[in-house]
Amino acid sequence: MANLKELRSRITSVSSTMQITSAMKMVSAAKLNKAQQAITAMRPYADKLTELLQSLSASLEGDSASVYAEQREVNKVLIVAIASNRGLAGAFNSNIIKAVKGLYENDYAGKQVDFMTIGKKVNDVVSKTHTVIANKSGVFDDLTFANVADIAEELMETFTNGSYDKIVVVYNKFRNAASQDVTTEQFLPILPIENATASNIDYIFEPSKEEIVEQLIPKSLKTQLYKAIRDSFASEHGARMTAMHKATDNATELRDALKLSYNKARQAAITNEILEIVGGAEALNS
């Protein structure tokens, strides 16, 4: 009977776990729907604005060029690593940690590499081996453009004052609920648009290219960072929903297997009791 009690306990435990993972799946699904709509709506605008300003910045020369497009010898690199504050999202956080590890061990080996972290999970890891100039994990508590813009302004300041020669952003780009792509984007300096000389697009600029660069490039950089964090936010809920769906399925299979084992053990115990009763009755009759 002790074996039966143990099986009953395990069935109860697995059933409770299954209820929790199922609830987490539904919560993530609801949050994912809102986050997906937000990133889908802003992505075309952000991409087009970035393309336009890259082209504009590339067309300016000499003193007219934006300070944000200044190309320097890369000695000091700042990596903005975007993950999440919570786990239970499959490989969502570990993929970012692997990506940034590859950057500082391979791409930027021998250079000064510091971090700005957005997400407690990645901060807990990189802070053990590298300098973290700021941990902005609190932005997820109130994810608005204004709050992200403050972070972008800090990044722009560290570049313009010469603290860093290059700033890159590492995040999970949302593809769909079951798939996210680890993406590394150069934040500063601004990259000139590819094949800019071959482009046939002829823009009319008012009031002037220089004034547009002065006013809109900072806005574009803020939008670029906001898009990256929004992408990561949607990816997190997609990854967690998928992970909890799989966990619920696995818990269901384990519960069914335990119930089958319990029924077999209970049947065996009943059979043994019947055999003992029959054996005792035969002994009395003999």
C-alpha atoms as a PDB file:
ATOM      1  CA  MET A   1       0.000   0.000   0.000  1.00  0.00           C
ATOM      2  CA  ALA A   2       2.968   2.303   0.575  1.00  0.00           C
ATOM      3  CA  ASN A   3       3.638   2.086  -3.154  1.00  0.00           C
ATOM      4  CA  LEU A   4       0.047   3.090  -3.896  1.00  0.00           C
ATOM      5  CA  LYS A   5       0.312   6.064  -1.517  1.00  0.00           C
ATOM      6  CA  GLU A   6       3.482   7.201  -3.255  1.00  0.00           C
ATOM      7  CA  LEU A   7       1.830   6.960  -6.681  1.00  0.00           C
ATOM      8  CA  ARG A   8      -1.209   8.910  -5.452  1.00  0.00           C
ATOM      9  CA  SER A   9       1.089  11.616  -4.112  1.00  0.00           C
ATOM     10  CA  ARG A  10       2.976  11.837  -7.407  1.00  0.00           C
ATOM     11  CA  ILE A  11      -0.278  12.000  -9.406  1.00  0.00           C
ATOM     12  CA  THR A  12      -1.503  14.868  -7.213  1.00  0.00           C
ATOM     13  CA  SER A  13       1.824  16.698  -7.566  1.00  0.00           C
ATOM     14  CA  VAL A  14       1.939  16.326 -11.354  1.00  0.00           C
ATOM     15  CA  SER A  15      -1.696  17.414 -11.679  1.00  0.00           C
ATOM     16  CA  SER A  16      -0.947  20.575  -9.673  1.00  0.00           C
ATOM     17  CA  THR A  17       2.073  21.317 -11.861  1.00  0.00           C
ATOM     18  CA  MET A  18      -0.047  20.797 -14.963  1.00  0.00           C
ATOM     19  CA  GLN A  19      -2.613  23.323 -13.721  1.00  0.00           C
ATOM     20  CA  ILE A  20       0.134  25.895 -13.098  1.00  0.00           C
ATOM     21  CA  THR A  21       1.798  25.475 -16.503  1.00  0.00           C
ATOM     22  CA  SER A  22      -1.579  25.582 -18.234  1.00  0.00           C
ATOM     23  CA  ALA A  23      -2.460  28.836 -16.446  1.00  0.00           C
ATOM     24  CA  MET A  24       0.929  30.350 -17.332  1.00  0.00           C
ATOM     25  CA  LYS A  25       0.408  29.362 -20.953  1.00  0.00           C
ATOM     26  CA  MET A  26      -2.943  31.177 -21.084  1.00  0.00           C
ATOM     27  CA  VAL A  27      -1.521  34.297 -19.413  1.00  0.00           C
ATOM     28  CA  SER A  28       1.402  34.418 -21.856  1.00  0.00           C
ATOM     29  CA  ALA A  29      -0.966  33.872 -24.784  1.00  0.00           C
ATOM     30  CA  ALA A  30      -3.036  36.890 -23.722  1.00  0.00           C
ATOM     31  CA  LYS A  31       0.054  39.081 -23.253  1.00  0.00           C
ATOM     32  CA  LEU A  32       1.545  37.840 -26.519  1.00  0.00           C
ATOM     33  CA  ASN A  33      -1.499  38.959 -28.501  1.00  0.00           C
ATOM     34  CA  LYS A  34      -1.117  42.545 -27.279  1.00  0.00           C
ATOM     35  CA  ALA A  35       2.688  42.561 -27.656  1.00  0.00           C
ATOM     36  CA  GLN A  36       2.498  41.080 -31.169  1.00  0.00           C
ATOM     37  CA  GLN A  37       0.053  43.742 -32.305  1.00  0.00           C
ATOM     38  CA  ALA A  38       2.338  46.472 -30.932  1.00  0.00           C
ATOM     39  CA  ILE A  39       5.517  45.269 -32.670  1.00  0.00           C
ATOM     40  CA  THR A  40       3.723  44.470 -35.931  1.00  0.00           C
ATOM     41  CA  ALA A  41       2.271  47.980 -36.030  1.00  0.00           C
ATOM     42  CA  MET A  42       5.526  49.844 -35.374  1.00  0.00           C
ATOM     43  CA  ARG A  43       8.033  47.696 -37.316  1.00  0.00           C
ATOM     44  CA  PRO A  44       7.318  49.134 -40.828  1.00  0.00           C
ATOM     45  CA  TYR A  45       7.578  52.707 -39.529  1.00  0.00           C
ATOM     46  CA  ALA A  46      10.818  52.031 -37.626  1.00  0.00           C
ATOM     47  CA  ASP A  47      12.439  50.198 -40.539  1.00  0.00           C
ATOM     48  CA  LYS A  48      11.535  52.906 -43.059  1.00  0.00           C
ATOM     49  CA  LEU A  49      12.703  55.707 -40.771  1.00  0.00           C
ATOM     50  CA  THR A  50      16.025  53.950 -40.199  1.00  0.00           C
ATOM     51  CA  GLU A  51      16.485  53.390 -43.935  1.00  0.00           C
ATOM     52  CA  LEU A  52      15.725  57.033 -44.740  1.00  0.00           C
ATOM     53  CA  LEU A  53      18.096  58.446 -42.133  1.00  0.00           C
ATOM     54  CA  GLN A  54      20.888  56.013 -43.004  1.00  0.00           C
ATOM     55  CA  SER A  55      20.630  57.187 -46.608  1.00  0.00           C
ATOM     56  CA  LEU A  56      20.530  60.827 -45.541  1.00  0.00           C
ATOM     57  CA  SER A  57      23.483  60.461 -43.181  1.00  0.00           C
ATOM     58  CA  ALA A  58      25.520  58.724 -45.899  1.00  0.00           C
ATOM     59  CA  SER A  59      24.883  61.631 -48.301  1.00  0.00           C
ATOM     60  CA  LEU A  60      26.359  64.204 -45.929  1.00  0.00           C
ATOM     61  CA  GLU A  61      30.080  64.826 -46.021  1.00  0.00           C
ATOM     62  CA  GLY A  62      32.690  66.562 -43.919  1.00  0.00           C
ATOM     63  CA  ASP A  63      31.520  68.817 -41.134  1.00  0.00           C
ATOM     64  CA  SER A  64      27.884  68.340 -42.135  1.00  0.00           C
ATOM     65  CA  ALA A  65      27.936  64.645 -41.245  1.00  0.00           C
ATOM     66  CA  SER A  66      26.158  63.630 -38.067  1.00  0.00           C
ATOM     67  CA  VAL A  67      28.198  63.025 -34.932  1.00  0.00           C
ATOM     68  CA  TYR A  68      26.256  59.774 -34.607  1.00  0.00           C
ATOM     69  CA  ALA A  69      27.729  58.507 -37.892  1.00  0.00           C
ATOM     70  CA  GLU A  70      31.360  59.097 -36.902  1.00  0.00           C
ATOM     71  CA  GLN A  71      33.439  56.017 -37.645  1.00  0.00           C
ATOM     72  CA  ARG A  72      36.307  55.427 -35.214  1.00  0.00           C
ATOM     73  CA  GLU A  73      38.847  52.727 -34.542  1.00  0.00           C
ATOM     74  CA  VAL A  74      36.997  50.256 -32.357  1.00  0.00           C
ATOM     75  CA  ASN A  75      38.731  49.809 -29.018  1.00  0.00           C
ATOM     76  CA  LYS A  76      35.860  50.151 -26.558  1.00  0.00           C
ATOM     77  CA  VAL A  77      32.568  48.360 -27.184  1.00  0.00           C
ATOM     78  CA  LEU A  78      29.280  48.560 -25.301  1.00  0.00           C
ATOM     79  CA  ILE A  79      26.876  45.648 -25.697  1.00  0.00           C
ATOM     80  CA  VAL A  80      23.216  46.274 -24.866  1.00  0.00           C
ATOM     81  CA  ALA A  81      21.904  42.807 -23.954  1.00  0.00           C
ATOM     82  CA  ILE A  82      18.113  42.508 -23.882  1.00  0.00           C
ATOM     83  CA  ALA A  83      16.570  39.456 -22.207  1.00  0.00           C
ATOM     84  CA  SER A  84      13.834  39.139 -19.566  1.00  0.00           C
ATOM     85  CA  ASN A  85      13.319  39.425 -15.826  1.00  0.00           C
ATOM     86  CA  ARG A  86      11.787  35.961 -15.495  1.00  0.00           C
ATOM     87  CA  GLY A  87      12.612  32.444 -16.578  1.00  0.00           C
ATOM     88  CA  LEU A  88      10.411  29.529 -17.639  1.00  0.00           C
ATOM     89  CA  ALA A  89      10.681  30.659 -21.262  1.00  0.00           C
ATOM     90  CA  GLY A  90      12.648  27.818 -22.815  1.00  0.00           C
ATOM     91  CA  ALA A  91      15.931  28.896 -24.386  1.00  0.00           C
ATOM     92  CA  PHE A  92      14.895  32.570 -24.617  1.00  0.00           C
ATOM     93  CA  ASN A  93      17.411  33.896 -22.086  1.00  0.00           C
ATOM     94  CA  SER A  94      20.160  31.337 -22.668  1.00  0.00           C
ATOM     95  CA  ASN A  95      20.239  32.186 -26.394  1.00  0.00           C
ATOM     96  CA  ILE A  96      21.008  35.833 -25.583  1.00  0.00           C
ATOM     97  CA  ILE A  97      23.705  34.801 -23.103  1.00  0.00           C
ATOM     98  CA  LYS A  98      25.312  32.557 -25.738  1.00  0.00           C
ATOM     99  CA  ALA A  99      25.173  35.350 -28.316  1.00  0.00           C
ATOM    100  CA  VAL A 100      26.876  37.955 -26.116  1.00  0.00           C
ATOM    101  CA  LYS A 101      29.475  35.396 -25.052  1.00  0.00           C
ATOM    102  CA  GLY A 102      30.296  34.811 -28.713  1.00  0.00           C
ATOM    103  CA  LEU A 103      30.662  38.569 -29.240  1.00  0.00           C
ATOM    104  CA  TYR A 104      33.143  39.257 -26.442  1.00  0.00           C
ATOM    105  CA  GLU A 105      35.107  36.030 -26.946  1.00  0.00           C
ATOM    106  CA  ASN A 106      35.328  36.130 -30.750  1.00  0.00           C
ATOM    107  CA  ASP A 107      34.199  39.332 -32.478  1.00  0.00           C
ATOM    108  CA  TYR A 108      35.635  41.739 -29.900  1.00  0.00           C
ATOM    109  CA  ALA A 109      38.414  39.661 -28.393  1.00  0.00           C
ATOM    110  CA  GLY A 110      41.218  41.870 -27.045  1.00  0.00           C
ATOM    111  CA  LYS A 111      38.990  44.960 -26.802  1.00  0.00           C
ATOM    112  CA  GLN A 112      37.337  46.577 -23.826  1.00  0.00           C
ATOM    113  CA  VAL A 113      33.794  45.195 -23.693  1.00  0.00           C
ATOM    114  CA  ASP A 114      31.232  46.529 -21.227  1.00  0.00           C
ATOM    115  CA  PHE A 115      27.513  45.901 -20.904  1.00  0.00           C
ATOM    116  CA  MET A 116      24.215  47.615 -20.406  1.00  0.00           C
ATOM    117  CA  THR A 117      21.662  44.969 -19.431  1.00  0.00           C
ATOM    118  CA  ILE A 118      17.905  45.032 -19.896  1.00  0.00           C
ATOM    119  CA  GLY A 119      16.608  41.932 -18.122  1.00  0.00           C
ATOM    120  CA  LYS A 120      17.619  40.416 -14.785  1.00  0.00           C
ATOM    121  CA  LYS A 121      18.476  37.012 -16.245  1.00  0.00           C
ATOM    122  CA  VAL A 122      21.232  38.286 -18.524  1.00  0.00           C
ATOM    123  CA  ASN A 123      22.436  40.749 -15.879  1.00  0.00           C
ATOM    124  CA  ASP A 124      22.930  37.951 -13.342  1.00  0.00           C
ATOM    125  CA  VAL A 125      25.292  36.190 -15.745  1.00  0.00           C
ATOM    126  CA  VAL A 126      27.353  38.937 -17.398  1.00  0.00           C
ATOM    127  CA  SER A 127      27.818  40.950 -14.198  1.00  0.00           C
ATOM    128  CA  LYS A 128      29.984  38.121 -12.859  1.00  0.00           C
ATOM    129  CA  THR A 129      32.630  38.525 -15.564  1.00  0.00           C
ATOM    130  CA  HIS A 130      32.192  42.015 -17.087  1.00  0.00           C
ATOM    131  CA  THR A 131      31.473  45.593 -16.138  1.00  0.00           C
ATOM    132  CA  VAL A 132      27.774  46.457 -16.321  1.00  0.00           C
ATOM    133  CA  ILE A 133      27.482  50.231 -16.588  1.00  0.00           C
ATOM    134  CA  ALA A 134      23.716  50.118 -16.005  1.00  0.00           C
ATOM    135  CA  ASN A 135      20.969  47.584 -15.412  1.00  0.00           C
ATOM    136  CA  LYS A 136      17.727  48.814 -16.956  1.00  0.00           C
ATOM    137  CA  SER A 137      15.576  45.800 -16.103  1.00  0.00           C
ATOM    138  CA  GLY A 138      12.928  48.025 -14.559  1.00  0.00           C
ATOM    139  CA  VAL A 139      11.848  49.263 -17.991  1.00  0.00           C
ATOM    140  CA  PHE A 140       9.685  46.143 -18.373  1.00  0.00           C
ATOM    141  CA  ASP A 141       7.544  47.327 -15.452  1.00  0.00           C
ATOM    142  CA  ASP A 142       6.363  50.256 -17.578  1.00  0.00           C
ATOM    143  CA  LEU A 143       7.348  49.661 -21.190  1.00  0.00           C
ATOM    144  CA  THR A 144       6.690  53.024 -22.840  1.00  0.00           C
ATOM    145  CA  PHE A 145       8.497  54.966 -25.547  1.00  0.00           C
ATOM    146  CA  ALA A 146       9.362  57.728 -23.064  1.00  0.00           C
ATOM    147  CA  ASN A 147      11.135  55.331 -20.692  1.00  0.00           C
ATOM    148  CA  VAL A 148      13.057  53.681 -23.531  1.00  0.00           C
ATOM    149  CA  ALA A 149      13.962  57.110 -24.935  1.00  0.00           C
ATOM    150  CA  ASP A 150      15.751  57.919 -21.672  1.00  0.00           C
ATOM    151  CA  ILE A 151      17.879  54.788 -22.089  1.00  0.00           C
ATOM    152  CA  ALA A 152      18.620  55.665 -25.729  1.00  0.00           C
ATOM    153  CA  GLU A 153      19.752  59.154 -24.692  1.00  0.00           C
ATOM    154  CA  GLU A 154      22.220  57.613 -22.225  1.00  0.00           C
ATOM    155  CA  LEU A 155      23.607  55.415 -25.002  1.00  0.00           C
ATOM    156  CA  MET A 156      23.944  58.364 -27.376  1.00  0.00           C
ATOM    157  CA  GLU A 157      25.750  60.336 -24.685  1.00  0.00           C
ATOM    158  CA  THR A 158      28.275  57.534 -24.057  1.00  0.00           C
ATOM    159  CA  PHE A 159      29.042  57.462 -27.783  1.00  0.00           C
ATOM    160  CA  THR A 160      29.321  61.201 -28.394  1.00  0.00           C
ATOM    161  CA  ASN A 161      31.546  61.777 -25.354  1.00  0.00           C
ATOM    162  CA  GLY A 162      33.945  59.081 -26.560  1.00  0.00           C
ATOM    163  CA  SER A 163      33.320  56.548 -23.779  1.00  0.00           C
ATOM    164  CA  TYR A 164      32.654  53.886 -26.426  1.00  0.00           C
ATOM    165  CA  ASP A 165      33.562  53.592 -30.085  1.00  0.00           C
ATOM    166  CA  LYS A 166      30.786  51.171 -30.942  1.00  0.00           C
ATOM    167  CA  ILE A 167      27.440  50.189 -29.411  1.00  0.00           C
ATOM    168  CA  VAL A 168      25.587  47.031 -30.428  1.00  0.00           C
ATOM    169  CA  VAL A 169      22.192  45.704 -29.352  1.00  0.00           C
ATOM    170  CA  VAL A 170      21.544  41.967 -28.902  1.00  0.00           C
ATOM    171  CA  TYR A 171      17.941  40.792 -28.642  1.00  0.00           C
ATOM    172  CA  ASN A 172      15.424  38.172 -29.733  1.00  0.00           C
ATOM    173  CA  LYS A 173      13.577  39.305 -32.856  1.00  0.00           C
ATOM    174  CA  PHE A 174       9.979  38.141 -32.922  1.00  0.00           C
ATOM    175  CA  ARG A 175       9.044  35.931 -35.862  1.00  0.00           C
ATOM    176  CA  ASN A 176       6.043  34.045 -34.500  1.00  0.00           C
ATOM    177  CA  ALA A 177       4.869  32.492 -31.251  1.00  0.00           C
ATOM    178  CA  ALA A 178       7.104  29.456 -31.671  1.00  0.00           C
ATOM    179  CA  SER A 179      10.155  31.062 -33.257  1.00  0.00           C
ATOM    180  CA  GLN A 180      12.495  33.924 -32.358  1.00  0.00           C
ATOM    181  CA  ASP A 181      15.741  34.974 -34.034  1.00  0.00           C
ATOM    182  CA  VAL A 182      18.705  36.146 -31.957  1.00  0.00           C
ATOM    183  CA  THR A 183      19.668  39.425 -33.625  1.00  0.00           C
ATOM    184  CA  THR A 184      22.726  41.645 -33.262  1.00  0.00           C
ATOM    185  CA  GLU A 185      22.283  45.199 -34.551  1.00  0.00           C
ATOM    186  CA  GLN A 186      24.771  48.052 -34.584  1.00  0.00           C
ATOM    187  CA  PHE A 187      23.220  50.946 -32.697  1.00  0.00           C
ATOM    188  CA  LEU A 188      26.068  53.447 -33.029  1.00  0.00           C
ATOM    189  CA  PRO A 189      27.723  54.657 -35.143  1.00  0.00           C
ATOM    190  CA  ILE A 190      24.939  54.728 -37.716  1.00  0.00           C
ATOM    191  CA  LEU A 191      25.669  52.393 -40.578  1.00  0.00           C
ATOM    192  CA  PRO A 192      25.376  53.857 -44.085  1.00  0.00           C
ATOM    193  CA  ILE A 193      22.665  52.190 -46.115  1.00  0.00           C
ATOM    194  CA  GLU A 194      23.907  49.373 -48.334  1.00  0.00           C
ATOM    195  CA  ASN A 195      24.196  50.232 -52.024  1.00  0.00           C
ATOM    196  CA  ALA A 196      23.360  53.831 -51.234  1.00  0.00           C
ATOM    197  CA  THR A 197      25.005  55.040 -54.434  1.00  0.00           C
ATOM    198  CA  ALA A 198      22.919  52.623 -56.501  1.00  0.00           C
ATOM    199  CA  SER A 199      19.622  53.774 -55.014  1.00  0.00           C
ATOM    200  CA  ASN A 200      17.269  55.589 -57.366  1.00  0.00           C
ATOM    201  CA  ILE A 201      15.168  57.064 -54.553  1.00  0.00           C
ATOM    202  CA  ASP A 202      15.129  60.858 -54.760  1.00  0.00           C
ATOM    203  CA  TYR A 203      13.905  62.484 -51.549  1.00  0.00           C
ATOM    204  CA  ILE A 204      12.965  66.146 -51.202  1.00  0.00           C
ATOM    205  CA  PHE A 205      14.199  67.476 -47.869  1.00  0.00           C
ATOM    206  CA  GLU A 206      12.670  70.434 -46.034  1.00  0.00           C
ATOM    207  CA  PRO A 207      14.062  72.544 -44.468  1.00  0.00           C
ATOM    208  CA  SER A 208      17.513  70.998 -45.110  1.00  0.00           C
ATOM    209  CA  LYS A 209      19.425  67.760 -44.795  1.00  0.00           C
ATOM    210  CA  GLU A 210      21.534  69.102 -41.940  1.00  0.00           C
ATOM    211  CA  GLU A 211      18.551  70.177 -39.834  1.00  0.00           C
ATOM    212  CA  ILE A 212      16.780  66.865 -40.447  1.00  0.00           C
ATOM    213  CA  VAL A 213      19.891  64.975 -39.328  1.00  0.00           C
ATOM    214  CA  GLU A 214      20.131  67.127 -36.219  1.00  0.00           C
ATOM    215  CA  GLN A 215      16.514  66.570 -35.187  1.00  0.00           C
ATOM    216  CA  LEU A 216      15.444  63.177 -36.529  1.00  0.00           C
ATOM    217  CA  ILE A 217      18.473  60.931 -36.070  1.00  0.00           C
ATOM    218  CA  PRO A 218      18.129  60.997 -32.251  1.00  0.00           C
ATOM    219  CA  LYS A 219      14.433  60.169 -32.669  1.00  0.00           C
ATOM    220  CA  SER A 220      15.309  57.365 -35.063  1.00  0.00           C
ATOM    221  CA  LEU A 221      17.774  55.879 -32.585  1.00  0.00           C
ATOM    222  CA  LYS A 222      15.177  55.998 -29.821  1.00  0.00           C
ATOM    223  CA  THR A 223      12.673  54.294 -32.114  1.00  0.00           C
ATOM    224  CA  GLN A 224      15.242  51.645 -33.071  1.00  0.00           C
ATOM    225  CA  LEU A 225      15.900  50.769 -29.418  1.00  0.00           C
ATOM    226  CA  TYR A 226      12.181  50.794 -28.600  1.00  0.00           C
ATOM    227  CA  LYS A 227      11.539  48.404 -31.486  1.00  0.00           C
ATOM    228  CA  ALA A 228      14.276  46.055 -30.254  1.00  0.00           C
ATOM    229  CA  ILE A 229      12.848  45.973 -26.723  1.00  0.00           C
ATOM    230  CA  ARG A 230       9.315  45.509 -28.073  1.00  0.00           C
ATOM    231  CA  ASP A 231      10.559  42.675 -30.278  1.00  0.00           C
ATOM    232  CA  SER A 232      12.190  41.037 -27.271  1.00  0.00           C
ATOM    233  CA  PHE A 233       9.058  41.534 -25.145  1.00  0.00           C
ATOM    234  CA  ALA A 234       6.851  39.810 -27.713  1.00  0.00           C
ATOM    235  CA  SER A 235       9.444  37.053 -28.180  1.00  0.00           C
ATOM    236  CA  GLU A 236       9.551  36.423 -24.438  1.00  0.00           C
ATOM    237  CA  HIS A 237       5.815  35.785 -24.207  1.00  0.00           C
ATOM    238  CA  GLY A 238       5.882  33.657 -27.347  1.00  0.00           C
ATOM    239  CA  ALA A 239       8.741  31.569 -25.959  1.00  0.00           C
ATOM    240  CA  ARG A 240       7.057  31.219 -22.563  1.00  0.00           C
ATOM    241  CA  MET A 241       3.723  30.242 -24.110  1.00  0.00           C
ATOM    242  CA  THR A 242       5.437  27.569 -26.207  1.00  0.00           C
ATOM    243  CA  ALA A 243       7.477  26.310 -23.251  1.00  0.00           C
ATOM    244  CA  MET A 244       4.434  26.099 -20.988  1.00  0.00           C
ATOM    245  CA  HIS A 245       2.444  24.356 -23.728  1.00  0.00           C
ATOM    246  CA  LYS A 246       5.135  21.680 -23.972  1.00  0.00           C
ATOM    247  CA  ALA A 247       5.375  21.438 -20.186  1.00  0.00           C
ATOM    248  CA  THR A 248       1.614  20.954 -19.931  1.00  0.00           C
ATOM    249  CA  ASP A 249       1.700  18.213 -22.579  1.00  0.00           C
ATOM    250  CA  ASN A 250       4.573  16.470 -20.786  1.00  0.00           C
ATOM    251  CA  ALA A 251       2.777  16.718 -17.440  1.00  0.00           C
ATOM    252  CA  THR A 252      -0.357  15.253 -18.999  1.00  0.00           C
ATOM    253  CA  GLU A 253       1.592  12.299 -20.394  1.00  0.00           C
ATOM    254  CA  LEU A 254       3.333  11.725 -17.052  1.00  0.00           C
ATOM    255  CA  ARG A 255       0.046  11.928 -15.129  1.00  0.00           C
ATOM    256  CA  ASP A 256      -1.583   9.394 -17.460  1.00  0.00           C
ATOM    257  CA  ALA A 257       1.392   7.057 -17.109  1.00  0.00           C
ATOM    258  CA  LEU A 258       1.275   7.347 -13.314  1.00  0.00           C
ATOM    259  CA  LYS A 259      -2.467   6.683 -13.291  1.00  0.00           C
ATOM    260  CA  LEU A 260      -1.900   3.552 -15.358  1.00  0.00           C
ATOM    261  CA  SER A 261       0.816   2.385 -12.959  1.00  0.00           C
ATOM    262  CA  TYR A 262      -1.448   3.175 -10.014  1.00  0.00           C
ATOM    263  CA  ASN A 263      -4.345   1.183 -11.488  1.00  0.00           C
ATOM    264  CA  LYS A 264      -2.068  -1.765 -12.226  1.00  0.00           C
ATOM    265  CA  ALA A 265      -0.627  -1.708  -8.704  1.00  0.00           C
ATOM    266  CA  ARG A 266      -4.106  -1.391  -7.179  1.00  0.00           C
ATOM    267  CA  GLN A 267      -5.376  -4.284  -9.311  1.00  0.00           C
ATOM    268  CA  ALA A 268      -2.404  -6.408  -8.258  1.00  0.00           C
ATOM    269  CA  ALA A 269      -3.048  -5.584  -4.600  1.00  0.00           C
ATOM    270  CA  ILE A 270      -6.740  -6.522  -4.898  1.00  0.00           C
ATOM    271  CA  THR A 271      -5.820  -9.742  -6.692  1.00  0.00           C
ATOM    272  CA  ASN A 272      -3.389 -10.668  -3.901  1.00  0.00           C
ATOM    273  CA  GLU A 273      -6.047 -10.014  -1.266  1.00  0.00           C
ATOM    274  CA  ILE A 274      -8.551 -12.228  -3.129  1.00  0.00           C
ATOM    275  CA  LEU A 275      -5.964 -15.013  -3.409  1.00  0.00           C
ATOM    276  CA  GLU A 276      -5.253 -14.767   0.313  1.00  0.00           C
ATOM    277  CA  ILE A 277      -8.970 -14.971   1.121  1.00  0.00           C
ATOM    278  CA  VAL A 278      -9.470 -17.942  -1.217  1.00  0.00           C
ATOM    279  CA  GLY A 279      -6.402 -19.650   0.198  1.00  0.00           C
ATOM    280  CA  GLY A 280      -7.643 -19.124   3.767  1.00  0.00           C
ATOM    281  CA  ALA A 281     -11.101 -20.471   2.893  1.00  0.00           C
ATOM    282  CA  GLU A 282      -9.595 -23.593   1.302  1.00  0.00           C
ATOM    283  CA  ALA A 283      -7.455 -24.130   4.371  1.00  0.00           C
ATOM    284  CA  LEU A 284     -10.554 -24.008   6.614  1.00  0.00           C
ATOM    285  CA  ASN A 285     -12.440 -26.483   4.412  1.00  0.00           C
ATOM    286  CA  SER A 286      -9.629 -29.017   4.337  1.00  0.00           C
END
